[in-house]
Amino acid sequence: MKPNANRMILATAAALTALANLLEAVHNFMN
């Protein structure tokens, strides 16, 4: 694959991880 594709995949994975952590934090805050 092209380096740009790998970079996009890594950026997407990082964004999904950050979103998951944010949702977990909100869930913990609500409880």
C-alpha atoms as a PDB file:
ATOM      1  CA  MET A   1       0.000   0.000   0.000  1.00  0.00           C
ATOM      2  CA  LYS A   2       0.927   3.612  -0.345  1.00  0.00           C
ATOM      3  CA  PRO A   3       2.392   5.404   2.701  1.00  0.00           C
ATOM      4  CA  ASN A   4      -0.556   7.805   2.599  1.00  0.00           C
ATOM      5  CA  ALA A   5      -2.975   4.888   2.949  1.00  0.00           C
ATOM      6  CA  ASN A   6      -1.060   3.519   5.943  1.00  0.00           C
ATOM      7  CA  ARG A   7      -1.019   6.969   7.533  1.00  0.00           C
ATOM      8  CA  MET A   8      -4.772   7.313   6.963  1.00  0.00           C
ATOM      9  CA  ILE A   9      -5.405   3.906   8.546  1.00  0.00           C
ATOM     10  CA  LEU A  10      -3.293   4.814  11.579  1.00  0.00           C
ATOM     11  CA  ALA A  11      -5.053   8.170  11.907  1.00  0.00           C
ATOM     12  CA  THR A  12      -8.446   6.466  11.687  1.00  0.00           C
ATOM     13  CA  ALA A  13      -7.468   3.888  14.296  1.00  0.00           C
ATOM     14  CA  ALA A  14      -6.232   6.650  16.611  1.00  0.00           C
ATOM     15  CA  ALA A  15      -9.464   8.603  16.129  1.00  0.00           C
ATOM     16  CA  LEU A  16     -11.588   5.522  16.869  1.00  0.00           C
ATOM     17  CA  THR A  17      -9.543   4.805  19.992  1.00  0.00           C
ATOM     18  CA  ALA A  18      -9.930   8.397  21.188  1.00  0.00           C
ATOM     19  CA  LEU A  19     -13.668   8.261  20.495  1.00  0.00           C
ATOM     20  CA  ALA A  20     -14.002   4.998  22.419  1.00  0.00           C
ATOM     21  CA  ASN A  21     -12.116   6.477  25.373  1.00  0.00           C
ATOM     22  CA  LEU A  22     -14.331   9.588  25.280  1.00  0.00           C
ATOM     23  CA  LEU A  23     -17.507   7.513  25.206  1.00  0.00           C
ATOM     24  CA  GLU A  24     -16.252   5.410  28.105  1.00  0.00           C
ATOM     25  CA  ALA A  25     -15.428   8.551  30.083  1.00  0.00           C
ATOM     26  CA  VAL A  26     -18.910   9.962  29.423  1.00  0.00           C
ATOM     27  CA  HIS A  27     -20.480   6.651  30.438  1.00  0.00           C
ATOM     28  CA  ASN A  28     -18.493   6.617  33.680  1.00  0.00           C
ATOM     29  CA  PHE A  29     -19.418  10.249  34.329  1.00  0.00           C
ATOM     30  CA  MET A  30     -23.133   9.532  33.856  1.00  0.00           C
ATOM     31  CA  ASN A  31     -22.900   6.710  36.371  1.00  0.00           C
END
